[in-house]
Amino acid sequence: MTDRLGELTAAGVAVWLDDLSRVRLSSGGLDQLRREKHLVGVTSNPTIFAKALSDADEYNWQLRDLAVRGVSVEEAVRSLTTYDVRWACDVMRPAYDSSAGVDGRVSIEVDPRLAYQTEPTVAEAKALWWLIDRPNLFIKIPATEAGLPAITATLAAGISVNVTLIFGLDRYSQVMEAFLTGLEQAKANGHDLSRIASVASFFVSRVDSEVDKRLDNLGGAGRPDIKALKGRAAVANAQLAYERYSKVFSSDRWQALADAGAHPQRPLWASTSTKNPEYRDVIYVEELIAPGTVNTMPEPVIDAFADHGETRPDTVTGAYIEAQEVFTGLAATGIDFDDVIATLEREGVEKFEASWLELLDGVRKSLEAAAQGAGEPNQAAGENADAAVQAGGNA
């Protein structure tokens, strides 16, 4: 059988999973993906954790103990989520070691309510780094205006960063500037640059969803020029982002950092599940194959690519002119792409904040329920806790 994910890996695309849950950890499912499907990284976000904690009984023993201790909801959420991320870091450690620290990374996001606050974001990034205490951790920081100096300061402290919620090219250039400045400061602070890593998470499918909606409002169904632009903005946007990446990471400024042991900040294609059923289910993988990139996918997309994905050598670097023509066409129709980007960034923060609040509310209810039964013996809970610790979740 064709090893399609192996071919994708050989083409320079690191396969990461956009999901995490304690069920996936305790069942061995995550380790199986690492061993059998070329998985070399994991990303999480507030929405993923909200779903994980709402669906599983695997958290009950820890919730009971947290309820007995009378901890706050905020502390309980951090205990639950960092436990999972620490465990996942241990599962992915072989990929980290074999890649000399490039892959094998697991991401956890700062509280999304801090997205527009620089100093609290840096403080929380440091707290998460200390709390999880694994070298293959990524701290996710959103690429808001307030997030940019937080990215620099966090990297300067020697902490690896996954920059999230990038939608536009100009903001991406600012992210790369924040990265370079952060590494320069880290070097001045005496940190080993070879131990610091970063990715820049460029969101893909959401761009098509927003642009297509606006094209439809212009009468896309009845105008061939508009119809021809549907489903093309997201890939074109990412391709032009890679063009900017290639220029920055071939500069003399970058070479000086590389000579000091630094790893480049790889582009990471996020939001890669196809939202429009009319589009090919692996379009945001097949059309974004380029050396030195990461594609983080939900498991259904990983399975779909393993089943019928096509790996063509570098579908990005030869497409810059065509990609620019897409944006010329969008401008001609009256689509304000700057407004598209601003809308997506705002909505992205709002969605993650809503998921965080949902997570807090769910944990609050679970703590209350656990407190009511805290006086009852719970042998099964203890056994679950012991099993989890032995498996690597040594919280």
Protein backbone atom coordinates (compact mmCIF):
# COMPACT_ATOMS: atom_id res chain seq x y z
CA MET A 1 0.00 0.00 0.00
CA THR A 2 1.11 3.55 -0.69
CA ASP A 3 2.40 5.34 2.41
CA ARG A 4 0.92 8.72 1.54
CA LEU A 5 1.76 10.33 4.89
CA GLY A 6 5.31 9.07 4.51
CA GLU A 7 5.50 10.73 1.11
CA LEU A 8 4.16 13.96 2.60
CA THR A 9 6.80 13.81 5.31
CA ALA A 10 9.53 13.17 2.75
CA ALA A 11 8.36 16.27 0.86
CA GLY A 12 9.23 18.37 3.92
CA VAL A 13 5.83 18.65 5.60
CA ALA A 14 5.72 17.77 9.30
CA VAL A 15 2.44 16.00 10.15
CA TRP A 16 0.90 17.27 13.39
CA LEU A 17 -2.41 16.46 15.06
CA ASP A 18 -4.84 19.27 15.82
CA ASP A 19 -6.47 17.56 18.79
CA LEU A 20 -5.76 16.34 22.30
CA SER A 21 -7.77 14.57 24.99
CA ARG A 22 -7.14 12.32 27.94
CA VAL A 23 -9.00 9.49 26.20
CA ARG A 24 -6.56 9.76 23.31
CA LEU A 25 -3.68 9.65 25.79
CA SER A 26 -4.90 6.87 28.08
CA SER A 27 -5.95 4.63 25.20
CA GLY A 28 -2.55 4.86 23.56
CA GLY A 29 -4.14 6.41 20.48
CA LEU A 30 -1.75 9.33 20.35
CA ASP A 31 1.29 7.09 20.57
CA GLN A 32 -0.18 4.88 17.87
CA LEU A 33 -0.49 7.86 15.53
CA ARG A 34 3.13 8.74 16.26
CA ARG A 35 4.31 5.22 15.53
CA GLU A 36 2.09 4.40 12.55
CA LYS A 37 1.14 7.64 10.80
CA HIS A 38 4.30 9.76 10.91
CA LEU A 39 2.84 12.09 13.55
CA VAL A 40 5.50 14.40 14.97
CA GLY A 41 3.54 17.09 16.82
CA VAL A 42 0.31 18.07 18.56
CA THR A 43 -1.61 21.32 18.81
CA SER A 44 -4.40 22.17 21.22
CA ASN A 45 -6.63 25.17 21.82
CA PRO A 46 -9.46 26.17 24.17
CA THR A 47 -12.09 24.69 21.86
CA ILE A 48 -10.31 21.33 21.83
CA PHE A 49 -10.06 21.26 25.62
CA ALA A 50 -13.68 22.32 26.09
CA LYS A 51 -14.77 19.37 23.96
CA ALA A 52 -12.37 16.93 25.62
CA LEU A 53 -13.54 17.73 29.13
CA SER A 54 -17.21 17.69 28.19
CA ASP A 55 -17.10 14.24 26.60
CA ALA A 56 -14.95 12.09 28.87
CA ASP A 57 -15.11 10.43 32.26
CA GLU A 58 -11.31 10.15 32.30
CA TYR A 59 -11.09 13.40 34.23
CA ASN A 60 -13.38 12.37 37.09
CA TRP A 61 -10.71 11.17 39.50
CA GLN A 62 -8.71 14.39 39.09
CA LEU A 63 -11.83 16.54 39.38
CA ARG A 64 -12.72 14.75 42.62
CA ASP A 65 -9.30 15.45 44.12
CA LEU A 66 -9.43 19.05 43.00
CA ALA A 67 -12.88 19.40 44.58
CA VAL A 68 -11.61 17.95 47.86
CA ARG A 69 -8.82 20.51 47.86
CA GLY A 70 -11.32 23.28 47.22
CA VAL A 71 -9.31 24.84 44.40
CA SER A 72 -10.67 27.64 42.23
CA VAL A 73 -12.13 26.89 38.82
CA GLU A 74 -9.18 28.65 37.16
CA GLU A 75 -6.68 26.48 39.03
CA ALA A 76 -8.67 23.36 38.23
CA VAL A 77 -8.66 24.15 34.50
CA ARG A 78 -4.91 24.69 34.54
CA SER A 79 -4.37 21.46 36.47
CA LEU A 80 -6.48 19.46 34.03
CA THR A 81 -5.13 20.91 30.82
CA THR A 82 -1.46 21.03 31.80
CA TYR A 83 -1.69 17.42 32.96
CA ASP A 84 -2.78 16.38 29.47
CA VAL A 85 -0.17 18.51 27.72
CA ARG A 86 2.63 17.23 29.96
CA TRP A 87 1.57 13.67 29.25
CA ALA A 88 1.41 14.39 25.51
CA CYS A 89 4.91 15.91 25.65
CA ASP A 90 6.17 12.64 27.11
CA VAL A 91 4.42 10.62 24.40
CA MET A 92 5.93 12.81 21.68
CA ARG A 93 9.41 12.90 23.23
CA PRO A 94 10.85 10.28 20.80
CA ALA A 95 9.99 12.57 17.87
CA TYR A 96 11.60 15.47 19.70
CA ASP A 97 14.80 13.55 20.36
CA SER A 98 15.09 12.08 16.86
CA SER A 99 14.62 15.50 15.22
CA ALA A 100 17.10 17.28 17.50
CA GLY A 101 14.30 19.35 19.01
CA VAL A 102 12.63 20.49 15.79
CA ASP A 103 9.52 18.31 16.09
CA GLY A 104 7.85 16.32 18.85
CA ARG A 105 6.26 19.52 20.09
CA VAL A 106 2.96 19.91 21.97
CA SER A 107 1.20 23.29 22.20
CA ILE A 108 -0.87 24.87 24.95
CA GLU A 109 -2.45 28.29 24.60
CA VAL A 110 -2.38 31.17 27.04
CA ASP A 111 -5.74 32.29 28.38
CA PRO A 112 -7.43 33.83 25.30
CA ARG A 113 -8.90 36.57 27.47
CA LEU A 114 -5.35 37.98 27.56
CA ALA A 115 -5.11 38.35 23.78
CA TYR A 116 -5.00 42.14 23.95
CA GLN A 117 -2.73 42.39 27.00
CA THR A 118 1.03 42.09 26.57
CA GLU A 119 2.49 41.75 30.07
CA PRO A 120 -0.14 39.30 31.41
CA THR A 121 0.40 37.16 28.30
CA VAL A 122 4.14 36.98 28.97
CA ALA A 123 3.55 36.20 32.63
CA GLU A 124 1.17 33.37 31.80
CA ALA A 125 3.51 32.00 29.15
CA LYS A 126 6.24 31.78 31.77
CA ALA A 127 3.89 30.18 34.29
CA LEU A 128 2.79 27.49 31.82
CA TRP A 129 6.41 26.83 30.85
CA TRP A 130 7.39 26.32 34.49
CA LEU A 131 4.30 24.29 35.29
CA ILE A 132 4.52 21.79 32.44
CA ASP A 133 8.31 21.67 32.57
CA ARG A 134 9.00 19.82 29.34
CA PRO A 135 11.55 20.93 26.71
CA ASN A 136 9.26 19.97 23.84
CA LEU A 137 6.46 22.33 24.88
CA PHE A 138 5.14 25.20 22.76
CA ILE A 139 3.32 28.13 24.34
CA LYS A 140 0.67 29.46 21.95
CA ILE A 141 0.38 33.24 21.79
CA PRO A 142 -2.09 34.94 19.42
CA ALA A 143 -0.71 37.27 16.77
CA THR A 144 -2.65 40.31 17.90
CA GLU A 145 -0.92 43.69 18.10
CA ALA A 146 -0.50 43.17 21.85
CA GLY A 147 0.70 39.64 21.19
CA LEU A 148 3.66 40.72 19.06
CA PRO A 149 5.80 42.17 21.89
CA ALA A 150 4.69 39.25 24.08
CA ILE A 151 6.09 36.85 21.47
CA THR A 152 9.41 38.66 21.51
CA ALA A 153 9.61 38.77 25.30
CA THR A 154 8.67 35.11 25.68
CA LEU A 155 11.29 33.97 23.18
CA ALA A 156 13.83 36.26 24.83
CA ALA A 157 13.21 34.32 28.05
CA GLY A 158 14.20 31.09 26.29
CA ILE A 159 10.64 29.80 25.87
CA SER A 160 9.48 28.14 22.65
CA VAL A 161 6.44 29.75 21.03
CA ASN A 162 3.68 28.73 18.65
CA VAL A 163 2.28 31.97 17.26
CA THR A 164 -1.40 31.42 16.54
CA LEU A 165 -4.27 33.17 14.76
CA ILE A 166 -2.28 34.58 11.84
CA PHE A 167 -4.47 35.48 8.88
CA GLY A 168 -2.79 38.27 6.93
CA LEU A 169 0.56 38.75 5.20
CA ASP A 170 1.50 42.03 6.86
CA ARG A 171 0.79 40.60 10.31
CA TYR A 172 2.83 37.54 9.40
CA SER A 173 5.78 39.79 8.52
CA GLN A 174 5.40 41.40 11.95
CA VAL A 175 5.38 37.95 13.54
CA MET A 176 8.66 37.03 11.84
CA GLU A 177 10.14 40.34 13.00
CA ALA A 178 9.02 39.57 16.56
CA PHE A 179 10.64 36.14 16.27
CA LEU A 180 13.98 37.44 15.03
CA THR A 181 14.08 40.15 17.68
CA GLY A 182 13.16 37.61 20.36
CA LEU A 183 15.99 35.29 19.34
CA GLU A 184 18.47 38.15 19.23
CA GLN A 185 17.46 39.09 22.76
CA ALA A 186 17.58 35.45 23.86
CA LYS A 187 21.13 35.20 22.56
CA ALA A 188 22.06 38.39 24.42
CA ASN A 189 20.48 36.90 27.55
CA GLY A 190 22.73 33.85 27.30
CA HIS A 191 20.15 31.28 26.15
CA ASP A 192 21.07 28.35 23.94
CA LEU A 193 19.28 29.15 20.68
CA SER A 194 19.32 25.51 19.58
CA ARG A 195 16.84 24.72 22.36
CA ILE A 196 14.34 27.41 21.35
CA ALA A 197 11.82 26.64 18.61
CA SER A 198 8.87 28.41 17.06
CA VAL A 199 6.15 27.97 14.46
CA ALA A 200 3.88 30.58 12.93
CA SER A 201 0.34 29.22 12.64
CA PHE A 202 -1.22 30.61 9.49
CA PHE A 203 -4.96 29.86 9.45
CA VAL A 204 -6.23 28.60 6.12
CA SER A 205 -9.80 27.34 5.67
CA ARG A 206 -11.38 30.18 7.62
CA VAL A 207 -10.09 32.57 4.95
CA ASP A 208 -12.03 30.74 2.25
CA SER A 209 -15.14 30.63 4.42
CA GLU A 210 -15.15 34.39 4.89
CA VAL A 211 -14.13 35.34 1.35
CA ASP A 212 -16.57 32.89 -0.24
CA LYS A 213 -19.39 34.31 1.86
CA ARG A 214 -18.58 37.80 0.62
CA LEU A 215 -18.32 36.61 -2.98
CA ASP A 216 -21.73 34.98 -2.69
CA ASN A 217 -23.13 38.27 -1.42
CA LEU A 218 -21.83 39.88 -4.61
CA GLY A 219 -23.77 37.40 -6.73
CA GLY A 220 -21.12 34.74 -7.20
CA ALA A 221 -23.56 32.14 -8.52
CA GLY A 222 -24.41 34.23 -11.55
CA ARG A 223 -21.07 35.86 -12.35
CA PRO A 224 -18.30 33.67 -13.84
CA ASP A 225 -15.54 36.09 -12.76
CA ILE A 226 -16.65 35.86 -9.13
CA LYS A 227 -17.38 32.14 -9.22
CA ALA A 228 -13.84 31.50 -10.48
CA LEU A 229 -12.41 33.10 -7.33
CA LYS A 230 -14.29 30.93 -4.84
CA GLY A 231 -12.18 28.54 -2.83
CA ARG A 232 -8.89 30.09 -3.93
CA ALA A 233 -8.12 32.86 -1.43
CA ALA A 234 -6.96 30.64 1.44
CA VAL A 235 -4.36 28.68 -0.50
CA ALA A 236 -3.16 31.79 -2.34
CA ASN A 237 -2.79 33.66 0.94
CA ALA A 238 -0.72 30.84 2.45
CA GLN A 239 1.42 30.51 -0.66
CA LEU A 240 2.29 34.21 -0.53
CA ALA A 241 3.05 33.83 3.18
CA TYR A 242 5.60 31.16 2.28
CA GLU A 243 7.16 33.55 -0.21
CA ARG A 244 7.70 36.05 2.61
CA TYR A 245 9.04 33.29 4.84
CA SER A 246 11.58 32.29 2.19
CA LYS A 247 12.88 35.85 1.90
CA VAL A 248 13.20 36.44 5.64
CA PHE A 249 14.90 33.14 6.32
CA SER A 250 17.48 33.61 3.59
CA SER A 251 18.56 37.02 4.92
CA ASP A 252 21.92 37.90 6.48
CA ARG A 253 20.12 38.74 9.71
CA TRP A 254 18.70 35.24 9.92
CA GLN A 255 22.00 33.64 8.93
CA ALA A 256 23.70 35.24 11.92
CA LEU A 257 21.13 33.58 14.21
CA ALA A 258 21.40 30.28 12.35
CA ASP A 259 25.16 30.35 12.83
CA ALA A 260 24.46 30.65 16.57
CA GLY A 261 22.36 27.46 16.47
CA ALA A 262 18.86 28.85 15.89
CA HIS A 263 16.11 26.92 14.12
CA PRO A 264 13.89 28.83 11.65
CA GLN A 265 10.33 29.67 12.62
CA ARG A 266 8.46 27.24 10.39
CA PRO A 267 5.14 28.16 8.77
CA LEU A 268 2.38 25.99 10.20
CA TRP A 269 -0.82 25.56 8.21
CA ALA A 270 -3.71 25.52 10.68
CA SER A 271 -7.46 25.25 10.24
CA THR A 272 -6.93 22.69 7.49
CA SER A 273 -10.23 20.83 7.61
CA THR A 274 -12.38 21.66 4.60
CA LYS A 275 -15.46 23.63 5.60
CA ASN A 276 -17.15 23.55 2.18
CA PRO A 277 -18.18 20.00 1.18
CA GLU A 278 -17.84 21.01 -2.48
CA TYR A 279 -14.07 21.24 -2.04
CA ARG A 280 -11.69 18.30 -1.91
CA ASP A 281 -11.35 17.15 1.69
CA VAL A 282 -7.53 17.35 1.61
CA ILE A 283 -7.18 20.52 -0.45
CA TYR A 284 -5.44 22.43 2.35
CA VAL A 285 -2.82 19.71 2.56
CA GLU A 286 -2.24 18.93 -1.11
CA GLU A 287 -2.02 22.57 -2.19
CA LEU A 288 0.38 23.59 0.59
CA ILE A 289 3.27 21.16 0.25
CA ALA A 290 6.62 22.90 0.70
CA PRO A 291 9.89 22.14 2.47
CA GLY A 292 10.17 23.16 6.11
CA THR A 293 6.45 23.48 6.82
CA VAL A 294 4.03 21.98 9.33
CA ASN A 295 0.46 20.94 8.63
CA THR A 296 -1.63 20.39 11.76
CA MET A 297 -4.73 18.37 10.95
CA PRO A 298 -7.72 16.90 12.78
CA GLU A 299 -7.56 13.11 12.71
CA PRO A 300 -10.23 12.81 9.96
CA VAL A 301 -8.02 14.88 7.64
CA ILE A 302 -4.98 12.76 8.51
CA ASP A 303 -7.00 9.64 7.70
CA ALA A 304 -8.32 11.16 4.48
CA PHE A 305 -4.84 12.05 3.28
CA ALA A 306 -3.57 8.59 4.22
CA ASP A 307 -6.38 7.15 2.11
CA HIS A 308 -6.34 9.30 -1.02
CA GLY A 309 -4.05 12.30 -0.63
CA GLU A 310 -1.64 13.16 -3.43
CA THR A 311 1.86 14.41 -2.69
CA ARG A 312 3.22 16.58 -5.48
CA PRO A 313 6.68 18.07 -5.10
CA ASP A 314 6.35 21.62 -3.77
CA THR A 315 2.93 22.99 -4.65
CA VAL A 316 3.81 26.40 -3.20
CA THR A 317 6.95 28.09 -4.53
CA GLY A 318 5.97 27.92 -8.19
CA ALA A 319 2.54 29.42 -7.55
CA TYR A 320 3.36 32.95 -6.39
CA ILE A 321 2.30 34.75 -9.58
CA GLU A 322 -0.97 32.84 -9.79
CA ALA A 323 -1.59 33.46 -6.09
CA GLN A 324 -1.11 37.21 -6.54
CA GLU A 325 -3.57 37.14 -9.45
CA VAL A 326 -6.21 35.78 -7.07
CA PHE A 327 -5.90 38.87 -4.90
CA THR A 328 -5.91 41.15 -7.90
CA GLY A 329 -9.18 39.52 -8.89
CA LEU A 330 -10.65 39.84 -5.41
CA ALA A 331 -9.78 43.54 -5.33
CA ALA A 332 -11.42 44.01 -8.72
CA THR A 333 -14.67 42.57 -7.39
CA GLY A 334 -14.60 44.97 -4.44
CA ILE A 335 -13.56 42.50 -1.74
CA ASP A 336 -11.68 44.37 1.00
CA PHE A 337 -9.20 41.69 2.05
CA ASP A 338 -7.80 43.83 4.86
CA ASP A 339 -11.27 43.84 6.35
CA VAL A 340 -11.49 40.07 5.85
CA ILE A 341 -8.28 39.65 7.86
CA ALA A 342 -9.37 42.04 10.62
CA THR A 343 -12.72 40.24 10.90
CA LEU A 344 -11.11 36.80 11.10
CA GLU A 345 -8.63 37.86 13.77
CA ARG A 346 -11.35 39.42 15.90
CA GLU A 347 -13.65 36.44 15.48
CA GLY A 348 -10.80 34.02 16.16
CA VAL A 349 -10.07 35.63 19.52
CA GLU A 350 -13.78 35.77 20.34
CA LYS A 351 -14.29 32.10 19.48
CA PHE A 352 -11.40 30.94 21.64
CA GLU A 353 -12.53 33.19 24.48
CA ALA A 354 -16.05 31.74 24.23
CA SER A 355 -14.60 28.21 24.32
CA TRP A 356 -12.50 29.14 27.34
CA LEU A 357 -15.57 30.42 29.16
CA GLU A 358 -17.41 27.24 28.19
CA LEU A 359 -14.50 25.25 29.58
CA LEU A 360 -14.55 27.21 32.84
CA ASP A 361 -18.29 26.70 33.18
CA GLY A 362 -18.05 22.98 32.49
CA VAL A 363 -15.27 22.52 35.04
CA ARG A 364 -17.20 24.57 37.59
CA LYS A 365 -20.19 22.25 37.26
CA SER A 366 -17.97 19.18 37.38
CA LEU A 367 -16.26 20.42 40.55
CA GLU A 368 -19.61 21.01 42.18
CA ALA A 369 -20.78 17.51 41.26
CA ALA A 370 -17.49 15.99 42.45
CA ALA A 371 -17.69 17.88 45.74
CA GLN A 372 -21.11 16.39 46.46
CA GLY A 373 -19.70 12.89 46.16
CA ALA A 374 -16.29 13.61 47.63
CA GLY A 375 -17.00 11.71 50.82
CA GLU A 376 -17.60 8.43 49.01
CA PRO A 377 -14.71 5.98 48.49
CA ASN A 378 -13.60 5.79 44.90
CA GLN A 379 -11.28 2.87 44.22
CA ALA A 380 -11.71 3.12 40.46
CA ALA A 381 -10.67 6.76 40.51
CA GLY A 382 -7.48 5.88 42.32
CA GLU A 383 -6.72 3.12 39.86
CA ASN A 384 -7.30 5.48 36.94
CA ALA A 385 -4.96 8.03 38.47
CA ASP A 386 -2.24 5.44 39.05
CA ALA A 387 -2.55 4.17 35.50
CA ALA A 388 -2.36 7.66 34.06
CA VAL A 389 0.77 8.53 36.05
CA GLN A 390 2.49 5.29 35.01
CA ALA A 391 1.65 6.04 31.38
CA GLY A 392 3.48 9.33 31.51
CA GLY A 393 1.02 11.87 32.88
CA ASN A 394 3.04 12.46 36.01
CA ALA A 395 1.30 15.60 37.20
